[in-house]
Amino acid sequence: MKKSWLAPLFLLPLLAHAADEPKKETHRSTKLGVCSKEAHSKGLKGDERKKFISGCIASSKQAKPAPAASTAP
């Protein structure tokens, strides 16, 4: 019973460190926010909104330029 209070003491610094790291926004989450705001401004709801947002995200994937291949002489 005496040792049961020691475990939280060892885990606390690990949990505190994990909470300090900020989460990076992915391209998808950023684009989702932009598409969602655009759908809201157009007044879309329900199935129309879902269609618009998935089309918006899909078009951003296609519009994303491919990395340029380097050509060595």
Protein backbone atom coordinates (compact mmCIF):
# COMPACT_ATOMS: atom_id res chain seq x y z
CA MET A 1 0.00 0.00 0.00
CA LYS A 2 2.89 2.37 0.68
CA LYS A 3 4.22 2.13 -2.89
CA SER A 4 0.90 2.89 -4.62
CA TRP A 5 1.33 6.65 -4.21
CA LEU A 6 4.76 6.61 -5.90
CA ALA A 7 3.50 5.72 -9.38
CA PRO A 8 1.67 9.04 -9.97
CA LEU A 9 4.77 10.94 -8.88
CA PHE A 10 6.85 9.30 -11.60
CA LEU A 11 4.18 9.72 -14.29
CA LEU A 12 3.37 13.36 -13.58
CA PRO A 13 6.46 14.86 -15.32
CA LEU A 14 5.83 12.72 -18.40
CA LEU A 15 2.23 13.87 -18.66
CA ALA A 16 3.17 17.51 -18.13
CA HIS A 17 5.75 17.35 -20.92
CA ALA A 18 3.27 15.80 -23.36
CA ALA A 19 0.74 18.54 -22.65
CA ASP A 20 3.26 21.31 -23.41
CA GLU A 21 3.83 20.32 -27.03
CA PRO A 22 1.54 22.27 -29.40
CA LYS A 23 -0.32 20.32 -32.05
CA LYS A 24 0.47 21.12 -35.66
CA GLU A 25 -2.40 21.84 -37.98
CA THR A 26 -2.46 19.59 -40.98
CA HIS A 27 -3.28 20.78 -44.46
CA ARG A 28 -6.59 18.91 -44.27
CA SER A 29 -7.69 20.52 -41.01
CA THR A 30 -6.74 23.96 -42.30
CA LYS A 31 -8.57 23.41 -45.56
CA LEU A 32 -11.57 21.95 -43.72
CA GLY A 33 -11.85 25.17 -41.70
CA VAL A 34 -11.66 27.30 -44.84
CA CYS A 35 -14.22 25.15 -46.69
CA SER A 36 -16.52 25.14 -43.66
CA LYS A 37 -16.48 28.94 -43.43
CA GLU A 38 -17.15 29.20 -47.14
CA ALA A 39 -20.09 26.77 -46.86
CA HIS A 40 -21.45 28.79 -43.94
CA SER A 41 -21.20 32.04 -45.89
CA LYS A 42 -23.16 30.43 -48.74
CA GLY A 43 -25.80 29.25 -46.27
CA LEU A 44 -25.40 25.57 -47.14
CA LYS A 45 -26.87 22.97 -44.79
CA GLY A 46 -27.27 19.21 -44.61
CA ASP A 47 -26.37 17.14 -47.66
CA GLU A 48 -25.58 20.21 -49.76
CA ARG A 49 -23.02 21.30 -47.17
CA LYS A 50 -21.43 17.82 -47.03
CA LYS A 51 -21.15 17.68 -50.83
CA PHE A 52 -19.67 21.15 -51.00
CA ILE A 53 -17.08 20.52 -48.28
CA SER A 54 -15.93 17.20 -49.72
CA GLY A 55 -15.66 18.75 -53.17
CA CYS A 56 -13.79 21.70 -51.74
CA ILE A 57 -11.27 19.47 -49.95
CA ALA A 58 -10.86 17.22 -53.01
CA SER A 59 -10.21 20.22 -55.25
CA SER A 60 -7.51 21.44 -52.87
CA LYS A 61 -5.75 18.06 -53.17
CA GLN A 62 -5.78 18.33 -56.95
CA ALA A 63 -4.67 21.97 -56.92
CA LYS A 64 -1.73 21.21 -54.64
CA PRO A 65 1.38 21.37 -56.84
CA ALA A 66 3.56 18.31 -57.09
CA PRO A 67 7.14 18.65 -55.83
CA ALA A 68 9.49 19.64 -58.63
CA ALA A 69 11.91 16.96 -59.69
CA SER A 70 15.49 18.13 -59.76
CA THR A 71 17.37 17.51 -62.97
CA ALA A 72 21.10 17.05 -62.61
CA PRO A 73 23.23 17.89 -65.66
